[in-house]
Amino acid sequence: MGPFWILDLLLALLQAIFLIMTLRNYSPLRDTPVGKLLVATSSIFLAQSILMLVFFVNWAEKGYDVRVAGPLLLISGLGALGSALLYAISRY
């Protein structure tokens, strides 16, 4: 597994961690209409990050190289940044 795949996995894991913390922050609001939407949105993004982890490991084991892992690094980085911003919003 090359360095690009490792970075992809770390960013997807970081995204999942931020989303778990976001869900924890939105948990008290889950009985309100807006809270239900926030929890649902965070849950969908968490499922996405877990699927990213699974697919990244699978693709790395299949031998896909930097031509696949490189562009995914940008997507992973943006996902981690977006989840970090969502977490920052959830703290207020």
PDB file of N, CA and C in Angstrom:
ATOM      1  N   MET A   1       0.855  -1.176   0.000  1.00  0.00           N
ATOM      2  CA  MET A   1       0.000   0.000   0.000  1.00  0.00           C
ATOM      3  C   MET A   1       0.898   1.235   0.000  1.00  0.00           C
ATOM      4  N   GLY A   2       0.662   2.085  -0.974  1.00  0.00           N
ATOM      5  CA  GLY A   2       1.509   3.256  -1.145  1.00  0.00           C
ATOM      6  C   GLY A   2       1.117   4.414  -0.250  1.00  0.00           C
ATOM      7  N   PRO A   3       1.936   5.454  -0.260  1.00  0.00           N
ATOM      8  CA  PRO A   3       1.682   6.610   0.610  1.00  0.00           C
ATOM      9  C   PRO A   3       0.386   7.347   0.277  1.00  0.00           C
ATOM     10  N   PHE A   4      -0.001   7.351  -1.000  1.00  0.00           N
ATOM     11  CA  PHE A   4      -1.247   8.028  -1.355  1.00  0.00           C
ATOM     12  C   PHE A   4      -2.451   7.306  -0.761  1.00  0.00           C
ATOM     13  N   TRP A   5      -2.422   5.969  -0.790  1.00  0.00           N
ATOM     14  CA  TRP A   5      -3.523   5.207  -0.194  1.00  0.00           C
ATOM     15  C   TRP A   5      -3.570   5.405   1.310  1.00  0.00           C
ATOM     16  N   ILE A   6      -2.402   5.451   1.933  1.00  0.00           N
ATOM     17  CA  ILE A   6      -2.359   5.653   3.387  1.00  0.00           C
ATOM     18  C   ILE A   6      -2.946   7.017   3.738  1.00  0.00           C
ATOM     19  N   LEU A   7      -2.590   8.043   2.977  1.00  0.00           N
ATOM     20  CA  LEU A   7      -3.160   9.381   3.215  1.00  0.00           C
ATOM     21  C   LEU A   7      -4.670   9.383   2.975  1.00  0.00           C
ATOM     22  N   ASP A   8      -5.107   8.705   1.916  1.00  0.00           N
ATOM     23  CA  ASP A   8      -6.544   8.601   1.657  1.00  0.00           C
ATOM     24  C   ASP A   8      -7.260   7.965   2.836  1.00  0.00           C
ATOM     25  N   LEU A   9      -6.709   6.888   3.353  1.00  0.00           N
ATOM     26  CA  LEU A   9      -7.321   6.191   4.486  1.00  0.00           C
ATOM     27  C   LEU A   9      -7.331   7.060   5.741  1.00  0.00           C
ATOM     28  N   LEU A  10      -6.245   7.759   5.984  1.00  0.00           N
ATOM     29  CA  LEU A  10      -6.186   8.627   7.160  1.00  0.00           C
ATOM     30  C   LEU A  10      -7.205   9.765   7.066  1.00  0.00           C
ATOM     31  N   LEU A  11      -7.345  10.334   5.895  1.00  0.00           N
ATOM     32  CA  LEU A  11      -8.313  11.425   5.725  1.00  0.00           C
ATOM     33  C   LEU A  11      -9.749  10.907   5.859  1.00  0.00           C
ATOM     34  N   ALA A  12     -10.034   9.731   5.314  1.00  0.00           N
ATOM     35  CA  ALA A  12     -11.376   9.155   5.458  1.00  0.00           C
ATOM     36  C   ALA A  12     -11.658   8.816   6.921  1.00  0.00           C
ATOM     37  N   LEU A  13     -10.645   8.333   7.632  1.00  0.00           N
ATOM     38  CA  LEU A  13     -10.806   8.046   9.058  1.00  0.00           C
ATOM     39  C   LEU A  13     -11.021   9.332   9.849  1.00  0.00           C
ATOM     40  N   LEU A  14     -10.279  10.366   9.516  1.00  0.00           N
ATOM     41  CA  LEU A  14     -10.448  11.663  10.177  1.00  0.00           C
ATOM     42  C   LEU A  14     -11.855  12.202   9.932  1.00  0.00           C
ATOM     43  N   GLN A  15     -12.341  12.034   8.712  1.00  0.00           N
ATOM     44  CA  GLN A  15     -13.699  12.464   8.386  1.00  0.00           C
ATOM     45  C   GLN A  15     -14.706  11.706   9.244  1.00  0.00           C
ATOM     46  N   ALA A  16     -14.525  10.402   9.394  1.00  0.00           N
ATOM     47  CA  ALA A  16     -15.448   9.601  10.206  1.00  0.00           C
ATOM     48  C   ALA A  16     -15.418  10.049  11.669  1.00  0.00           C
ATOM     49  N   ILE A  17     -14.248  10.355  12.172  1.00  0.00           N
ATOM     50  CA  ILE A  17     -14.128  10.798  13.567  1.00  0.00           C
ATOM     51  C   ILE A  17     -14.860  12.125  13.777  1.00  0.00           C
ATOM     52  N   PHE A  18     -14.648  13.072  12.863  1.00  0.00           N
ATOM     53  CA  PHE A  18     -15.364  14.348  12.978  1.00  0.00           C
ATOM     54  C   PHE A  18     -16.878  14.143  12.919  1.00  0.00           C
ATOM     55  N   LEU A  19     -17.329  13.233  12.081  1.00  0.00           N
ATOM     56  CA  LEU A  19     -18.766  13.006  11.961  1.00  0.00           C
ATOM     57  C   LEU A  19     -19.349  12.311  13.183  1.00  0.00           C
ATOM     58  N   ILE A  20     -18.597  11.443  13.803  1.00  0.00           N
ATOM     59  CA  ILE A  20     -19.049  10.823  15.053  1.00  0.00           C
ATOM     60  C   ILE A  20     -19.183  11.889  16.136  1.00  0.00           C
ATOM     61  N   MET A  21     -18.221  12.800  16.198  1.00  0.00           N
ATOM     62  CA  MET A  21     -18.300  13.879  17.183  1.00  0.00           C
ATOM     63  C   MET A  21     -19.461  14.823  16.861  1.00  0.00           C
ATOM     64  N   THR A  22     -19.728  15.030  15.569  1.00  0.00           N
ATOM     65  CA  THR A  22     -20.859  15.862  15.166  1.00  0.00           C
ATOM     66  C   THR A  22     -22.170  15.219  15.589  1.00  0.00           C
ATOM     67  N   LEU A  23     -22.286  13.920  15.373  1.00  0.00           N
ATOM     68  CA  LEU A  23     -23.496  13.204  15.795  1.00  0.00           C
ATOM     69  C   LEU A  23     -23.694  13.298  17.302  1.00  0.00           C
ATOM     70  N   ARG A  24     -22.609  13.225  18.035  1.00  0.00           N
ATOM     71  CA  ARG A  24     -22.697  13.364  19.494  1.00  0.00           C
ATOM     72  C   ARG A  24     -23.232  14.742  19.871  1.00  0.00           C
ATOM     73  N   ASN A  25     -22.775  15.772  19.161  1.00  0.00           N
ATOM     74  CA  ASN A  25     -23.240  17.126  19.460  1.00  0.00           C
ATOM     75  C   ASN A  25     -24.699  17.334  19.075  1.00  0.00           C
ATOM     76  N   TYR A  26     -25.138  16.696  17.989  1.00  0.00           N
ATOM     77  CA  TYR A  26     -26.520  16.851  17.542  1.00  0.00           C
ATOM     78  C   TYR A  26     -27.480  15.909  18.259  1.00  0.00           C
ATOM     79  N   SER A  27     -26.968  14.968  18.995  1.00  0.00           N
ATOM     80  CA  SER A  27     -27.810  13.972  19.659  1.00  0.00           C
ATOM     81  C   SER A  27     -28.912  14.572  20.536  1.00  0.00           C
ATOM     82  N   PRO A  28     -28.641  15.604  21.340  1.00  0.00           N
ATOM     83  CA  PRO A  28     -29.723  16.172  22.155  1.00  0.00           C
ATOM     84  C   PRO A  28     -30.849  16.804  21.335  1.00  0.00           C
ATOM     85  N   LEU A  29     -30.587  17.129  20.080  1.00  0.00           N
ATOM     86  CA  LEU A  29     -31.590  17.775  19.229  1.00  0.00           C
ATOM     87  C   LEU A  29     -32.386  16.787  18.387  1.00  0.00           C
ATOM     88  N   ARG A  30     -32.132  15.491  18.549  1.00  0.00           N
ATOM     89  CA  ARG A  30     -32.711  14.506  17.638  1.00  0.00           C
ATOM     90  C   ARG A  30     -34.235  14.397  17.689  1.00  0.00           C
ATOM     91  N   ASP A  31     -34.873  14.985  18.691  1.00  0.00           N
ATOM     92  CA  ASP A  31     -36.332  14.948  18.778  1.00  0.00           C
ATOM     93  C   ASP A  31     -37.004  16.157  18.136  1.00  0.00           C
ATOM     94  N   THR A  32     -36.218  17.088  17.640  1.00  0.00           N
ATOM     95  CA  THR A  32     -36.776  18.264  16.963  1.00  0.00           C
ATOM     96  C   THR A  32     -36.722  18.030  15.448  1.00  0.00           C
ATOM     97  N   PRO A  33     -37.556  18.722  14.694  1.00  0.00           N
ATOM     98  CA  PRO A  33     -37.523  18.533  13.235  1.00  0.00           C
ATOM     99  C   PRO A  33     -36.167  18.860  12.606  1.00  0.00           C
ATOM    100  N   VAL A  34     -35.573  19.958  13.010  1.00  0.00           N
ATOM    101  CA  VAL A  34     -34.266  20.329  12.466  1.00  0.00           C
ATOM    102  C   VAL A  34     -33.201  19.352  12.962  1.00  0.00           C
ATOM    103  N   GLY A  35     -33.291  18.946  14.215  1.00  0.00           N
ATOM    104  CA  GLY A  35     -32.334  17.995  14.768  1.00  0.00           C
ATOM    105  C   GLY A  35     -32.360  16.664  14.038  1.00  0.00           C
ATOM    106  N   LYS A  36     -33.545  16.215  13.664  1.00  0.00           N
ATOM    107  CA  LYS A  36     -33.653  14.961  12.903  1.00  0.00           C
ATOM    108  C   LYS A  36     -32.930  15.077  11.568  1.00  0.00           C
ATOM    109  N   LEU A  37     -33.082  16.213  10.918  1.00  0.00           N
ATOM    110  CA  LEU A  37     -32.390  16.425   9.641  1.00  0.00           C
ATOM    111  C   LEU A  37     -30.872  16.500   9.822  1.00  0.00           C
ATOM    112  N   LEU A  38     -30.438  17.161  10.885  1.00  0.00           N
ATOM    113  CA  LEU A  38     -29.000  17.256  11.145  1.00  0.00           C
ATOM    114  C   LEU A  38     -28.398  15.889  11.454  1.00  0.00           C
ATOM    115  N   VAL A  39     -29.101  15.099  12.255  1.00  0.00           N
ATOM    116  CA  VAL A  39     -28.625  13.753  12.583  1.00  0.00           C
ATOM    117  C   VAL A  39     -28.629  12.881  11.328  1.00  0.00           C
ATOM    118  N   ALA A  40     -29.676  12.987  10.520  1.00  0.00           N
ATOM    119  CA  ALA A  40     -29.742  12.192   9.290  1.00  0.00           C
ATOM    120  C   ALA A  40     -28.615  12.568   8.324  1.00  0.00           C
ATOM    121  N   THR A  41     -28.380  13.858   8.157  1.00  0.00           N
ATOM    122  CA  THR A  41     -27.323  14.314   7.264  1.00  0.00           C
ATOM    123  C   THR A  41     -25.956  13.842   7.751  1.00  0.00           C
ATOM    124  N   SER A  42     -25.697  13.987   9.029  1.00  0.00           N
ATOM    125  CA  SER A  42     -24.412  13.533   9.584  1.00  0.00           C
ATOM    126  C   SER A  42     -24.267  12.028   9.456  1.00  0.00           C
ATOM    127  N   SER A  43     -25.360  11.300   9.631  1.00  0.00           N
ATOM    128  CA  SER A  43     -25.316   9.833   9.513  1.00  0.00           C
ATOM    129  C   SER A  43     -25.016   9.401   8.083  1.00  0.00           C
ATOM    130  N   ILE A  44     -25.614  10.099   7.128  1.00  0.00           N
ATOM    131  CA  ILE A  44     -25.348   9.778   5.723  1.00  0.00           C
ATOM    132  C   ILE A  44     -23.876  10.012   5.394  1.00  0.00           C
ATOM    133  N   PHE A  45     -23.340  11.137   5.843  1.00  0.00           N
ATOM    134  CA  PHE A  45     -21.926  11.415   5.588  1.00  0.00           C
ATOM    135  C   PHE A  45     -21.014  10.427   6.329  1.00  0.00           C
ATOM    136  N   LEU A  46     -21.422   9.981   7.507  1.00  0.00           N
ATOM    137  CA  LEU A  46     -20.641   8.977   8.226  1.00  0.00           C
ATOM    138  C   LEU A  46     -20.638   7.661   7.459  1.00  0.00           C
ATOM    139  N   ALA A  47     -21.793   7.253   6.946  1.00  0.00           N
ATOM    140  CA  ALA A  47     -21.862   6.035   6.137  1.00  0.00           C
ATOM    141  C   ALA A  47     -20.964   6.166   4.905  1.00  0.00           C
ATOM    142  N   GLN A  48     -20.950   7.335   4.313  1.00  0.00           N
ATOM    143  CA  GLN A  48     -20.099   7.575   3.148  1.00  0.00           C
ATOM    144  C   GLN A  48     -18.625   7.417   3.512  1.00  0.00           C
ATOM    145  N   SER A  49     -18.207   7.968   4.637  1.00  0.00           N
ATOM    146  CA  SER A  49     -16.800   7.881   5.009  1.00  0.00           C
ATOM    147  C   SER A  49     -16.399   6.443   5.347  1.00  0.00           C
ATOM    148  N   ILE A  50     -17.310   5.686   5.936  1.00  0.00           N
ATOM    149  CA  ILE A  50     -17.011   4.274   6.218  1.00  0.00           C
ATOM    150  C   ILE A  50     -16.889   3.496   4.912  1.00  0.00           C
ATOM    151  N   LEU A  51     -17.790   3.768   3.965  1.00  0.00           N
ATOM    152  CA  LEU A  51     -17.687   3.117   2.658  1.00  0.00           C
ATOM    153  C   LEU A  51     -16.397   3.511   1.940  1.00  0.00           C
ATOM    154  N   MET A  52     -15.988   4.759   2.096  1.00  0.00           N
ATOM    155  CA  MET A  52     -14.721   5.191   1.510  1.00  0.00           C
ATOM    156  C   MET A  52     -13.565   4.365   2.062  1.00  0.00           C
ATOM    157  N   LEU A  53     -13.568   4.149   3.371  1.00  0.00           N
ATOM    158  CA  LEU A  53     -12.512   3.335   3.978  1.00  0.00           C
ATOM    159  C   LEU A  53     -12.495   1.935   3.371  1.00  0.00           C
ATOM    160  N   VAL A  54     -13.660   1.332   3.247  1.00  0.00           N
ATOM    161  CA  VAL A  54     -13.753  -0.029   2.711  1.00  0.00           C
ATOM    162  C   VAL A  54     -13.265  -0.075   1.258  1.00  0.00           C
ATOM    163  N   PHE A  55     -13.750   0.853   0.436  1.00  0.00           N
ATOM    164  CA  PHE A  55     -13.354   0.867  -0.971  1.00  0.00           C
ATOM    165  C   PHE A  55     -11.867   1.184  -1.133  1.00  0.00           C
ATOM    166  N   PHE A  56     -11.343   2.094  -0.342  1.00  0.00           N
ATOM    167  CA  PHE A  56      -9.926   2.435  -0.462  1.00  0.00           C
ATOM    168  C   PHE A  56      -9.043   1.235  -0.155  1.00  0.00           C
ATOM    169  N   VAL A  57      -9.374   0.501   0.898  1.00  0.00           N
ATOM    170  CA  VAL A  57      -8.590  -0.697   1.222  1.00  0.00           C
ATOM    171  C   VAL A  57      -8.694  -1.708   0.078  1.00  0.00           C
ATOM    172  N   ASN A  58      -9.909  -1.902  -0.427  1.00  0.00           N
ATOM    173  CA  ASN A  58     -10.131  -2.849  -1.520  1.00  0.00           C
ATOM    174  C   ASN A  58      -9.327  -2.458  -2.761  1.00  0.00           C
ATOM    175  N   TRP A  59      -9.383  -1.191  -3.136  1.00  0.00           N
ATOM    176  CA  TRP A  59      -8.672  -0.746  -4.330  1.00  0.00           C
ATOM    177  C   TRP A  59      -7.158  -0.805  -4.141  1.00  0.00           C
ATOM    178  N   ALA A  60      -6.703  -0.504  -2.935  1.00  0.00           N
ATOM    179  CA  ALA A  60      -5.261  -0.584  -2.671  1.00  0.00           C
ATOM    180  C   ALA A  60      -4.791  -2.035  -2.759  1.00  0.00           C
ATOM    181  N   GLU A  61      -5.590  -2.957  -2.233  1.00  0.00           N
ATOM    182  CA  GLU A  61      -5.217  -4.370  -2.306  1.00  0.00           C
ATOM    183  C   GLU A  61      -5.254  -4.902  -3.732  1.00  0.00           C
ATOM    184  N   LYS A  62      -6.102  -4.333  -4.572  1.00  0.00           N
ATOM    185  CA  LYS A  62      -6.164  -4.746  -5.976  1.00  0.00           C
ATOM    186  C   LYS A  62      -5.004  -4.192  -6.785  1.00  0.00           C
ATOM    187  N   GLY A  63      -4.235  -3.304  -6.186  1.00  0.00           N
ATOM    188  CA  GLY A  63      -3.042  -2.797  -6.852  1.00  0.00           C
ATOM    189  C   GLY A  63      -3.218  -1.520  -7.644  1.00  0.00           C
ATOM    190  N   TYR A  64      -4.345  -0.837  -7.454  1.00  0.00           N
ATOM    191  CA  TYR A  64      -4.496   0.440  -8.137  1.00  0.00           C
ATOM    192  C   TYR A  64      -3.434   1.405  -7.627  1.00  0.00           C
ATOM    193  N   ASP A  65      -2.874   2.159  -8.538  1.00  0.00           N
ATOM    194  CA  ASP A  65      -1.733   2.996  -8.168  1.00  0.00           C
ATOM    195  C   ASP A  65      -2.136   4.462  -7.980  1.00  0.00           C
ATOM    196  N   VAL A  66      -1.160   5.332  -8.110  1.00  0.00           N
ATOM    197  CA  VAL A  66      -1.337   6.754  -7.844  1.00  0.00           C
ATOM    198  C   VAL A  66      -2.327   7.397  -8.827  1.00  0.00           C
ATOM    199  N   ARG A  67      -2.543   6.783  -9.985  1.00  0.00           N
ATOM    200  CA  ARG A  67      -3.504   7.345 -10.945  1.00  0.00           C
ATOM    201  C   ARG A  67      -4.926   7.295 -10.393  1.00  0.00           C
ATOM    202  N   VAL A  68      -5.184   6.393  -9.474  1.00  0.00           N
ATOM    203  CA  VAL A  68      -6.492   6.317  -8.817  1.00  0.00           C
ATOM    204  C   VAL A  68      -6.427   7.007  -7.454  1.00  0.00           C
ATOM    205  N   ALA A  69      -5.389   6.701  -6.691  1.00  0.00           N
ATOM    206  CA  ALA A  69      -5.276   7.221  -5.328  1.00  0.00           C
ATOM    207  C   ALA A  69      -5.044   8.728  -5.293  1.00  0.00           C
ATOM    208  N   GLY A  70      -4.352   9.265  -6.282  1.00  0.00           N
ATOM    209  CA  GLY A  70      -4.050  10.695  -6.297  1.00  0.00           C
ATOM    210  C   GLY A  70      -5.292  11.575  -6.363  1.00  0.00           C
ATOM    211  N   PRO A  71      -6.153  11.379  -7.380  1.00  0.00           N
ATOM    212  CA  PRO A  71      -7.379  12.193  -7.424  1.00  0.00           C
ATOM    213  C   PRO A  71      -8.289  11.968  -6.223  1.00  0.00           C
ATOM    214  N   LEU A  72      -8.308  10.742  -5.712  1.00  0.00           N
ATOM    215  CA  LEU A  72      -9.132  10.471  -4.535  1.00  0.00           C
ATOM    216  C   LEU A  72      -8.611  11.207  -3.302  1.00  0.00           C
ATOM    217  N   LEU A  73      -7.327  11.534  -3.319  1.00  0.00           N
ATOM    218  CA  LEU A  73      -6.750  12.287  -2.211  1.00  0.00           C
ATOM    219  C   LEU A  73      -7.395  13.666  -2.103  1.00  0.00           C
ATOM    220  N   LEU A  74      -7.671  14.286  -3.213  1.00  0.00           N
ATOM    221  CA  LEU A  74      -8.351  15.583  -3.213  1.00  0.00           C
ATOM    222  C   LEU A  74      -9.771  15.445  -2.669  1.00  0.00           C
ATOM    223  N   ILE A  75     -10.479  14.421  -3.109  1.00  0.00           N
ATOM    224  CA  ILE A  75     -11.837  14.185  -2.638  1.00  0.00           C
ATOM    225  C   ILE A  75     -11.834  13.886  -1.139  1.00  0.00           C
ATOM    226  N   SER A  76     -10.888  13.082  -0.681  1.00  0.00           N
ATOM    227  CA  SER A  76     -10.786  12.748   0.738  1.00  0.00           C
ATOM    228  C   SER A  76     -10.470  13.971   1.578  1.00  0.00           C
ATOM    229  N   GLY A  77      -9.569  14.798   1.070  1.00  0.00           N
ATOM    230  CA  GLY A  77      -9.214  16.013   1.793  1.00  0.00           C
ATOM    231  C   GLY A  77     -10.381  16.972   1.916  1.00  0.00           C
ATOM    232  N   LEU A  78     -11.127  17.133   0.833  1.00  0.00           N
ATOM    233  CA  LEU A  78     -12.303  18.007   0.883  1.00  0.00           C
ATOM    234  C   LEU A  78     -13.377  17.439   1.809  1.00  0.00           C
ATOM    235  N   GLY A  79     -13.528  16.122   1.826  1.00  0.00           N
ATOM    236  CA  GLY A  79     -14.489  15.497   2.737  1.00  0.00           C
ATOM    237  C   GLY A  79     -14.103  15.704   4.191  1.00  0.00           C
ATOM    238  N   ALA A  80     -12.808  15.560   4.480  1.00  0.00           N
ATOM    239  CA  ALA A  80     -12.339  15.781   5.852  1.00  0.00           C
ATOM    240  C   ALA A  80     -12.517  17.242   6.256  1.00  0.00           C
ATOM    241  N   LEU A  81     -12.231  18.154   5.345  1.00  0.00           N
ATOM    242  CA  LEU A  81     -12.413  19.576   5.631  1.00  0.00           C
ATOM    243  C   LEU A  81     -13.889  19.896   5.864  1.00  0.00           C
ATOM    244  N   GLY A  82     -14.751  19.374   5.021  1.00  0.00           N
ATOM    245  CA  GLY A  82     -16.186  19.607   5.172  1.00  0.00           C
ATOM    246  C   GLY A  82     -16.729  19.051   6.472  1.00  0.00           C
ATOM    247  N   SER A  83     -16.273  17.868   6.849  1.00  0.00           N
ATOM    248  CA  SER A  83     -16.744  17.286   8.111  1.00  0.00           C
ATOM    249  C   SER A  83     -16.198  18.058   9.307  1.00  0.00           C
ATOM    250  N   ALA A  84     -14.990  18.593   9.183  1.00  0.00           N
ATOM    251  CA  ALA A  84     -14.437  19.420  10.267  1.00  0.00           C
ATOM    252  C   ALA A  84     -15.253  20.710  10.422  1.00  0.00           C
ATOM    253  N   LEU A  85     -15.655  21.294   9.305  1.00  0.00           N
ATOM    254  CA  LEU A  85     -16.502  22.492   9.374  1.00  0.00           C
ATOM    255  C   LEU A  85     -17.871  22.179   9.947  1.00  0.00           C
ATOM    256  N   LEU A  86     -18.450  21.048   9.564  1.00  0.00           N
ATOM    257  CA  LEU A  86     -19.733  20.635  10.122  1.00  0.00           C
ATOM    258  C   LEU A  86     -19.623  20.416  11.631  1.00  0.00           C
ATOM    259  N   TYR A  87     -18.507  19.835  12.056  1.00  0.00           N
ATOM    260  CA  TYR A  87     -18.291  19.657  13.493  1.00  0.00           C
ATOM    261  C   TYR A  87     -18.173  21.012  14.191  1.00  0.00           C
ATOM    262  N   ALA A  88     -17.438  21.938  13.577  1.00  0.00           N
ATOM    263  CA  ALA A  88     -17.284  23.271  14.181  1.00  0.00           C
ATOM    264  C   ALA A  88     -18.639  23.946  14.328  1.00  0.00           C
ATOM    265  N   ILE A  89     -19.503  23.804  13.331  1.00  0.00           N
ATOM    266  CA  ILE A  89     -20.839  24.380  13.407  1.00  0.00           C
ATOM    267  C   ILE A  89     -21.644  23.720  14.522  1.00  0.00           C
ATOM    268  N   SER A  90     -21.491  22.417  14.673  1.00  0.00           N
ATOM    269  CA  SER A  90     -22.285  21.668  15.656  1.00  0.00           C
ATOM    270  C   SER A  90     -21.916  22.016  17.099  1.00  0.00           C
ATOM    271  N   ARG A  91     -20.774  22.640  17.290  1.00  0.00           N
ATOM    272  CA  ARG A  91     -20.351  22.993  18.653  1.00  0.00           C
ATOM    273  C   ARG A  91     -21.102  24.191  19.199  1.00  0.00           C
ATOM    274  N   TYR A  92     -21.796  24.950  18.355  1.00  0.00           N
ATOM    275  CA  TYR A  92     -22.505  26.146  18.812  1.00  0.00           C
ATOM    276  C   TYR A  92     -23.936  25.859  19.121  1.00  0.00           C
TER     277      TYR A  92
END
